[in-house]
């Protein structure tokens, strides 16, 4: 996780917010989100690394994005 927050541009509050958001995900979801959007790996590459199908990566990614979206919306409303 340190690698992610070290390279995120922006202020400390942004890094804390991103770190806290990712804590709401399972270990696998967090790995997929970081690999996909931070390291720019394809679903196929991620699937190979996890020894699962591309479809399973896509399903976990979509579930993770839904969770992140809900937490972002809730943080804005509060």
PDB file of N, CA and C in Angstrom:
ATOM      1  N   UNK A   1       0.822  -1.198   0.000  1.00  0.00           N
ATOM      2  CA  UNK A   1       0.000   0.000   0.000  1.00  0.00           C
ATOM      3  C   UNK A   1       0.856   1.248   0.000  1.00  0.00           C
ATOM      4  N   UNK A   2       2.026   1.213   0.619  1.00  0.00           N
ATOM      5  CA  UNK A   2       2.886   2.384   0.653  1.00  0.00           C
ATOM      6  C   UNK A   2       3.272   2.832  -0.747  1.00  0.00           C
ATOM      7  N   UNK A   3       3.493   1.870  -1.640  1.00  0.00           N
ATOM      8  CA  UNK A   3       3.871   2.209  -2.996  1.00  0.00           C
ATOM      9  C   UNK A   3       2.780   3.035  -3.658  1.00  0.00           C
ATOM     10  N   UNK A   4       1.522   2.689  -3.406  1.00  0.00           N
ATOM     11  CA  UNK A   4       0.422   3.434  -4.003  1.00  0.00           C
ATOM     12  C   UNK A   4       0.389   4.861  -3.488  1.00  0.00           C
ATOM     13  N   UNK A   5       0.435   5.029  -2.189  1.00  0.00           N
ATOM     14  CA  UNK A   5       0.315   6.371  -1.641  1.00  0.00           C
ATOM     15  C   UNK A   5       1.554   7.206  -1.935  1.00  0.00           C
ATOM     16  N   UNK A   6       2.711   6.585  -2.113  1.00  0.00           N
ATOM     17  CA  UNK A   6       3.924   7.332  -2.445  1.00  0.00           C
ATOM     18  C   UNK A   6       3.828   7.974  -3.819  1.00  0.00           C
ATOM     19  N   UNK A   7       3.149   7.322  -4.762  1.00  0.00           N
ATOM     20  CA  UNK A   7       3.134   7.818  -6.130  1.00  0.00           C
ATOM     21  C   UNK A   7       1.884   8.596  -6.493  1.00  0.00           C
ATOM     22  N   UNK A   8       0.909   8.629  -5.627  1.00  0.00           N
ATOM     23  CA  UNK A   8      -0.310   9.402  -5.902  1.00  0.00           C
ATOM     24  C   UNK A   8       0.030  10.875  -5.798  1.00  0.00           C
ATOM     25  N   UNK A   9      -0.267  11.596  -6.872  1.00  0.00           N
ATOM     26  CA  UNK A   9      -0.015  13.030  -6.835  1.00  0.00           C
ATOM     27  C   UNK A   9      -1.138  13.705  -6.067  1.00  0.00           C
ATOM     28  N   UNK A  10      -0.815  14.784  -5.421  1.00  0.00           N
ATOM     29  CA  UNK A  10      -1.819  15.512  -4.669  1.00  0.00           C
ATOM     30  C   UNK A  10      -1.374  15.660  -3.233  1.00  0.00           C
ATOM     31  N   UNK A  11      -2.276  16.164  -2.443  1.00  0.00           N
ATOM     32  CA  UNK A  11      -1.901  16.441  -1.068  1.00  0.00           C
ATOM     33  C   UNK A  11      -2.098  15.229  -0.171  1.00  0.00           C
ATOM     34  N   UNK A  12      -1.700  15.358   1.059  1.00  0.00           N
ATOM     35  CA  UNK A  12      -1.757  14.266   2.024  1.00  0.00           C
ATOM     36  C   UNK A  12      -3.195  13.815   2.245  1.00  0.00           C
ATOM     37  N   UNK A  13      -4.128  14.740   2.281  1.00  0.00           N
ATOM     38  CA  UNK A  13      -5.536  14.384   2.482  1.00  0.00           C
ATOM     39  C   UNK A  13      -6.037  13.459   1.368  1.00  0.00           C
ATOM     40  N   UNK A  14      -5.632  13.722   0.130  1.00  0.00           N
ATOM     41  CA  UNK A  14      -6.024  12.857  -0.991  1.00  0.00           C
ATOM     42  C   UNK A  14      -5.476  11.446  -0.791  1.00  0.00           C
ATOM     43  N   UNK A  15      -4.227  11.356  -0.379  1.00  0.00           N
ATOM     44  CA  UNK A  15      -3.610  10.043  -0.163  1.00  0.00           C
ATOM     45  C   UNK A  15      -4.309   9.281   0.961  1.00  0.00           C
ATOM     46  N   UNK A  16      -4.640   9.984   2.019  1.00  0.00           N
ATOM     47  CA  UNK A  16      -5.340   9.352   3.140  1.00  0.00           C
ATOM     48  C   UNK A  16      -6.715   8.876   2.684  1.00  0.00           C
ATOM     49  N   UNK A  17      -7.409   9.697   1.924  1.00  0.00           N
ATOM     50  CA  UNK A  17      -8.742   9.342   1.428  1.00  0.00           C
ATOM     51  C   UNK A  17      -8.680   8.091   0.553  1.00  0.00           C
ATOM     52  N   UNK A  18      -7.724   8.035  -0.356  1.00  0.00           N
ATOM     53  CA  UNK A  18      -7.583   6.877  -1.240  1.00  0.00           C
ATOM     54  C   UNK A  18      -7.252   5.629  -0.438  1.00  0.00           C
ATOM     55  N   UNK A  19      -6.347   5.755   0.509  1.00  0.00           N
ATOM     56  CA  UNK A  19      -5.972   4.617   1.349  1.00  0.00           C
ATOM     57  C   UNK A  19      -7.174   4.111   2.129  1.00  0.00           C
ATOM     58  N   UNK A  20      -7.948   5.022   2.699  1.00  0.00           N
ATOM     59  CA  UNK A  20      -9.136   4.636   3.451  1.00  0.00           C
ATOM     60  C   UNK A  20     -10.183   3.990   2.554  1.00  0.00           C
ATOM     61  N   UNK A  21     -10.333   4.490   1.346  1.00  0.00           N
ATOM     62  CA  UNK A  21     -11.276   3.880   0.412  1.00  0.00           C
ATOM     63  C   UNK A  21     -10.894   2.441   0.110  1.00  0.00           C
ATOM     64  N   UNK A  22      -9.618   2.224  -0.159  1.00  0.00           N
ATOM     65  CA  UNK A  22      -9.161   0.884  -0.513  1.00  0.00           C
ATOM     66  C   UNK A  22      -9.282  -0.093   0.642  1.00  0.00           C
ATOM     67  N   UNK A  23      -9.304   0.403   1.863  1.00  0.00           N
ATOM     68  CA  UNK A  23      -9.455  -0.472   3.025  1.00  0.00           C
ATOM     69  C   UNK A  23     -10.839  -1.122   3.081  1.00  0.00           C
ATOM     70  N   UNK A  24     -11.788  -0.597   2.322  1.00  0.00           N
ATOM     71  CA  UNK A  24     -13.134  -1.164   2.284  1.00  0.00           C
ATOM     72  C   UNK A  24     -13.248  -2.359   1.348  1.00  0.00           C
ATOM     73  N   UNK A  25     -12.179  -2.658   0.635  1.00  0.00           N
ATOM     74  CA  UNK A  25     -12.187  -3.748  -0.334  1.00  0.00           C
ATOM     75  C   UNK A  25     -11.536  -4.995   0.244  1.00  0.00           C
ATOM     76  N   UNK A  26     -11.886  -6.132  -0.344  1.00  0.00           N
ATOM     77  CA  UNK A  26     -11.201  -7.369   0.023  1.00  0.00           C
ATOM     78  C   UNK A  26      -9.765  -7.296  -0.510  1.00  0.00           C
ATOM     79  N   UNK A  27      -8.945  -8.192  -0.040  1.00  0.00           N
ATOM     80  CA  UNK A  27      -7.550  -8.221  -0.484  1.00  0.00           C
ATOM     81  C   UNK A  27      -7.464  -8.403  -2.003  1.00  0.00           C
ATOM     82  N   UNK A  28      -8.289  -9.297  -2.539  1.00  0.00           N
ATOM     83  CA  UNK A  28      -8.277  -9.546  -3.978  1.00  0.00           C
ATOM     84  C   UNK A  28      -8.778  -8.330  -4.751  1.00  0.00           C
ATOM     85  N   UNK A  29      -9.848  -7.706  -4.285  1.00  0.00           N
ATOM     86  CA  UNK A  29     -10.376  -6.522  -4.964  1.00  0.00           C
ATOM     87  C   UNK A  29      -9.351  -5.390  -4.960  1.00  0.00           C
ATOM     88  N   UNK A  30      -8.704  -5.196  -3.835  1.00  0.00           N
ATOM     89  CA  UNK A  30      -7.693  -4.148  -3.719  1.00  0.00           C
ATOM     90  C   UNK A  30      -6.548  -4.406  -4.712  1.00  0.00           C
ATOM     91  N   UNK A  31      -6.107  -5.652  -4.775  1.00  0.00           N
ATOM     92  CA  UNK A  31      -5.040  -6.027  -5.703  1.00  0.00           C
ATOM     93  C   UNK A  31      -5.457  -5.735  -7.142  1.00  0.00           C
ATOM     94  N   UNK A  32      -6.676  -6.117  -7.503  1.00  0.00           N
ATOM     95  CA  UNK A  32      -7.159  -5.915  -8.867  1.00  0.00           C
ATOM     96  C   UNK A  32      -7.247  -4.427  -9.198  1.00  0.00           C
ATOM     97  N   UNK A  33      -7.781  -3.629  -8.308  1.00  0.00           N
ATOM     98  CA  UNK A  33      -7.905  -2.182  -8.558  1.00  0.00           C
ATOM     99  C   UNK A  33      -6.526  -1.545  -8.734  1.00  0.00           C
ATOM    100  N   UNK A  34      -5.590  -1.905  -7.878  1.00  0.00           N
ATOM    101  CA  UNK A  34      -4.245  -1.337  -7.985  1.00  0.00           C
ATOM    102  C   UNK A  34      -3.579  -1.773  -9.280  1.00  0.00           C
ATOM    103  N   UNK A  35      -3.692  -3.053  -9.607  1.00  0.00           N
ATOM    104  CA  UNK A  35      -3.076  -3.554 -10.843  1.00  0.00           C
ATOM    105  C   UNK A  35      -3.715  -2.927 -12.080  1.00  0.00           C
ATOM    106  N   UNK A  36      -5.017  -2.760 -12.063  1.00  0.00           N
ATOM    107  CA  UNK A  36      -5.737  -2.246 -13.230  1.00  0.00           C
ATOM    108  C   UNK A  36      -5.543  -0.746 -13.422  1.00  0.00           C
ATOM    109  N   UNK A  37      -5.775   0.020 -12.383  1.00  0.00           N
ATOM    110  CA  UNK A  37      -5.813   1.466 -12.546  1.00  0.00           C
ATOM    111  C   UNK A  37      -4.530   2.178 -12.132  1.00  0.00           C
ATOM    112  N   UNK A  38      -3.707   1.529 -11.350  1.00  0.00           N
ATOM    113  CA  UNK A  38      -2.463   2.159 -10.929  1.00  0.00           C
ATOM    114  C   UNK A  38      -1.290   1.671 -11.780  1.00  0.00           C
ATOM    115  N   UNK A  39      -1.248   0.363 -12.006  1.00  0.00           N
ATOM    116  CA  UNK A  39      -0.153  -0.219 -12.779  1.00  0.00           C
ATOM    117  C   UNK A  39      -0.513  -0.437 -14.244  1.00  0.00           C
ATOM    118  N   UNK A  40      -1.768  -0.155 -14.597  1.00  0.00           N
ATOM    119  CA  UNK A  40      -2.251  -0.224 -15.984  1.00  0.00           C
ATOM    120  C   UNK A  40      -2.129  -1.614 -16.607  1.00  0.00           C
ATOM    121  N   UNK A  41      -2.362  -2.652 -15.823  1.00  0.00           N
ATOM    122  CA  UNK A  41      -2.347  -4.006 -16.358  1.00  0.00           C
ATOM    123  C   UNK A  41      -3.724  -4.357 -16.897  1.00  0.00           C
ATOM    124  N   UNK A  42      -3.733  -5.224 -17.900  1.00  0.00           N
ATOM    125  CA  UNK A  42      -5.004  -5.662 -18.485  1.00  0.00           C
ATOM    126  C   UNK A  42      -5.660  -6.704 -17.581  1.00  0.00           C
ATOM    127  N   UNK A  43      -6.938  -6.945 -17.836  1.00  0.00           N
ATOM    128  CA  UNK A  43      -7.649  -7.969 -17.080  1.00  0.00           C
ATOM    129  C   UNK A  43      -6.994  -9.339 -17.277  1.00  0.00           C
ATOM    130  N   UNK A  44      -6.527  -9.597 -18.472  1.00  0.00           N
ATOM    131  CA  UNK A  44      -5.872 -10.876 -18.773  1.00  0.00           C
ATOM    132  C   UNK A  44      -4.579 -11.013 -17.964  1.00  0.00           C
ATOM    133  N   UNK A  45      -3.789  -9.963 -17.894  1.00  0.00           N
ATOM    134  CA  UNK A  45      -2.551 -10.001 -17.110  1.00  0.00           C
ATOM    135  C   UNK A  45      -2.845 -10.221 -15.624  1.00  0.00           C
ATOM    136  N   UNK A  46      -3.849  -9.541 -15.126  1.00  0.00           N
ATOM    137  CA  UNK A  46      -4.229  -9.690 -13.720  1.00  0.00           C
ATOM    138  C   UNK A  46      -4.722 -11.111 -13.469  1.00  0.00           C
ATOM    139  N   UNK A  47      -5.531 -11.637 -14.387  1.00  0.00           N
ATOM    140  CA  UNK A  47      -6.058 -12.994 -14.250  1.00  0.00           C
ATOM    141  C   UNK A  47      -4.926 -14.016 -14.188  1.00  0.00           C
ATOM    142  N   UNK A  48      -3.926 -13.845 -15.036  1.00  0.00           N
ATOM    143  CA  UNK A  48      -2.776 -14.755 -15.004  1.00  0.00           C
ATOM    144  C   UNK A  48      -2.077 -14.703 -13.655  1.00  0.00           C
ATOM    145  N   UNK A  49      -1.901 -13.503 -13.122  1.00  0.00           N
ATOM    146  CA  UNK A  49      -1.227 -13.343 -11.838  1.00  0.00           C
ATOM    147  C   UNK A  49      -1.983 -13.956 -10.678  1.00  0.00           C
ATOM    148  N   UNK A  50      -3.308 -13.955 -10.775  1.00  0.00           N
ATOM    149  CA  UNK A  50      -4.144 -14.510  -9.703  1.00  0.00           C
ATOM    150  C   UNK A  50      -4.582 -15.947  -9.986  1.00  0.00           C
ATOM    151  N   UNK A  51      -4.263 -16.437 -11.188  1.00  0.00           N
ATOM    152  CA  UNK A  51      -4.669 -17.777 -11.616  1.00  0.00           C
ATOM    153  C   UNK A  51      -6.194 -17.935 -11.583  1.00  0.00           C
ATOM    154  N   UNK A  52      -6.872 -16.913 -12.123  1.00  0.00           N
ATOM    155  CA  UNK A  52      -8.323 -16.936 -12.257  1.00  0.00           C
ATOM    156  C   UNK A  52      -8.667 -16.500 -13.680  1.00  0.00           C
ATOM    157  N   UNK A  53      -9.932 -16.559 -14.045  1.00  0.00           N
ATOM    158  CA  UNK A  53     -10.330 -16.166 -15.393  1.00  0.00           C
ATOM    159  C   UNK A  53     -10.417 -14.646 -15.522  1.00  0.00           C
ATOM    160  N   UNK A  54     -10.374 -14.198 -16.765  1.00  0.00           N
ATOM    161  CA  UNK A  54     -10.539 -12.772 -17.042  1.00  0.00           C
ATOM    162  C   UNK A  54     -11.909 -12.316 -16.581  1.00  0.00           C
ATOM    163  N   UNK A  55     -12.908 -13.173 -16.730  1.00  0.00           N
ATOM    164  CA  UNK A  55     -14.266 -12.841 -16.314  1.00  0.00           C
ATOM    165  C   UNK A  55     -14.344 -12.659 -14.797  1.00  0.00           C
ATOM    166  N   UNK A  56     -13.607 -13.474 -14.051  1.00  0.00           N
ATOM    167  CA  UNK A  56     -13.589 -13.345 -12.594  1.00  0.00           C
ATOM    168  C   UNK A  56     -12.930 -12.037 -12.180  1.00  0.00           C
ATOM    169  N   UNK A  57     -11.892 -11.644 -12.911  1.00  0.00           N
ATOM    170  CA  UNK A  57     -11.248 -10.354 -12.644  1.00  0.00           C
ATOM    171  C   UNK A  57     -12.241  -9.233 -12.894  1.00  0.00           C
ATOM    172  N   UNK A  58     -12.929  -9.299 -14.018  1.00  0.00           N
ATOM    173  CA  UNK A  58     -13.897  -8.262 -14.367  1.00  0.00           C
ATOM    174  C   UNK A  58     -15.014  -8.171 -13.322  1.00  0.00           C
ATOM    175  N   UNK A  59     -15.513  -9.310 -12.867  1.00  0.00           N
ATOM    176  CA  UNK A  59     -16.570  -9.318 -11.860  1.00  0.00           C
ATOM    177  C   UNK A  59     -16.085  -8.699 -10.553  1.00  0.00           C
ATOM    178  N   UNK A  60     -14.898  -9.087 -10.097  1.00  0.00           N
ATOM    179  CA  UNK A  60     -14.340  -8.530  -8.851  1.00  0.00           C
ATOM    180  C   UNK A  60     -14.066  -7.039  -8.994  1.00  0.00           C
ATOM    181  N   UNK A  61     -13.573  -6.643 -10.158  1.00  0.00           N
ATOM    182  CA  UNK A  61     -13.293  -5.221 -10.415  1.00  0.00           C
ATOM    183  C   UNK A  61     -14.578  -4.408 -10.351  1.00  0.00           C
ATOM    184  N   UNK A  62     -15.627  -4.900 -10.982  1.00  0.00           N
ATOM    185  CA  UNK A  62     -16.899  -4.177 -10.983  1.00  0.00           C
ATOM    186  C   UNK A  62     -17.501  -4.095  -9.581  1.00  0.00           C
ATOM    187  N   UNK A  63     -17.398  -5.178  -8.811  1.00  0.00           N
ATOM    188  CA  UNK A  63     -17.874  -5.152  -7.430  1.00  0.00           C
ATOM    189  C   UNK A  63     -17.080  -4.133  -6.606  1.00  0.00           C
ATOM    190  N   UNK A  64     -15.767  -4.109  -6.810  1.00  0.00           N
ATOM    191  CA  UNK A  64     -14.911  -3.168  -6.085  1.00  0.00           C
ATOM    192  C   UNK A  64     -15.257  -1.730  -6.450  1.00  0.00           C
ATOM    193  N   UNK A  65     -15.463  -1.469  -7.737  1.00  0.00           N
ATOM    194  CA  UNK A  65     -15.811  -0.114  -8.165  1.00  0.00           C
ATOM    195  C   UNK A  65     -17.150   0.328  -7.584  1.00  0.00           C
ATOM    196  N   UNK A  66     -18.075  -0.600  -7.473  1.00  0.00           N
ATOM    197  CA  UNK A  66     -19.377  -0.281  -6.871  1.00  0.00           C
ATOM    198  C   UNK A  66     -19.194   0.097  -5.396  1.00  0.00           C
ATOM    199  N   UNK A  67     -18.379  -0.663  -4.683  1.00  0.00           N
ATOM    200  CA  UNK A  67     -18.105  -0.368  -3.274  1.00  0.00           C
ATOM    201  C   UNK A  67     -17.435   0.996  -3.138  1.00  0.00           C
ATOM    202  N   UNK A  68     -16.429   1.254  -3.972  1.00  0.00           N
ATOM    203  CA  UNK A  68     -15.719   2.536  -3.910  1.00  0.00           C
ATOM    204  C   UNK A  68     -16.672   3.696  -4.208  1.00  0.00           C
ATOM    205  N   UNK A  69     -17.517   3.519  -5.206  1.00  0.00           N
ATOM    206  CA  UNK A  69     -18.485   4.563  -5.567  1.00  0.00           C
ATOM    207  C   UNK A  69     -19.408   4.872  -4.394  1.00  0.00           C
ATOM    208  N   UNK A  70     -19.922   3.824  -3.742  1.00  0.00           N
ATOM    209  CA  UNK A  70     -20.818   4.024  -2.607  1.00  0.00           C
ATOM    210  C   UNK A  70     -20.127   4.793  -1.478  1.00  0.00           C
ATOM    211  N   UNK A  71     -18.873   4.444  -1.204  1.00  0.00           N
ATOM    212  CA  UNK A  71     -18.145   5.122  -0.135  1.00  0.00           C
ATOM    213  C   UNK A  71     -17.814   6.574  -0.498  1.00  0.00           C
ATOM    214  N   UNK A  72     -17.533   6.808  -1.751  1.00  0.00           N
ATOM    215  CA  UNK A  72     -17.269   8.196  -2.197  1.00  0.00           C
ATOM    216  C   UNK A  72     -18.542   9.030  -2.071  1.00  0.00           C
ATOM    217  N   UNK A  73     -19.660   8.485  -2.528  1.00  0.00           N
ATOM    218  CA  UNK A  73     -20.921   9.212  -2.425  1.00  0.00           C
ATOM    219  C   UNK A  73     -21.262   9.488  -0.957  1.00  0.00           C
ATOM    220  N   UNK A  74     -21.091   8.475  -0.108  1.00  0.00           N
ATOM    221  CA  UNK A  74     -21.390   8.662   1.315  1.00  0.00           C
ATOM    222  C   UNK A  74     -20.479   9.697   1.959  1.00  0.00           C
ATOM    223  N   UNK A  75     -19.236   9.765   1.522  1.00  0.00           N
ATOM    224  CA  UNK A  75     -18.319  10.748   2.101  1.00  0.00           C
ATOM    225  C   UNK A  75     -18.664  12.164   1.655  1.00  0.00           C
ATOM    226  N   UNK A  76     -19.253  12.298   0.482  1.00  0.00           N
ATOM    227  CA  UNK A  76     -19.665  13.612   0.000  1.00  0.00           C
ATOM    228  C   UNK A  76     -20.927  14.070   0.719  1.00  0.00           C
ATOM    229  N   UNK A  77     -21.849  13.137   0.950  1.00  0.00           N
ATOM    230  CA  UNK A  77     -23.124  13.463   1.591  1.00  0.00           C
ATOM    231  C   UNK A  77     -22.913  13.853   3.051  1.00  0.00           C
ATOM    232  N   UNK A  78     -22.000  13.175   3.731  1.00  0.00           N
ATOM    233  CA  UNK A  78     -21.761  13.435   5.150  1.00  0.00           C
ATOM    234  C   UNK A  78     -21.038  14.701   5.266  1.00  0.00           C
TER     235      UNK A  78
END
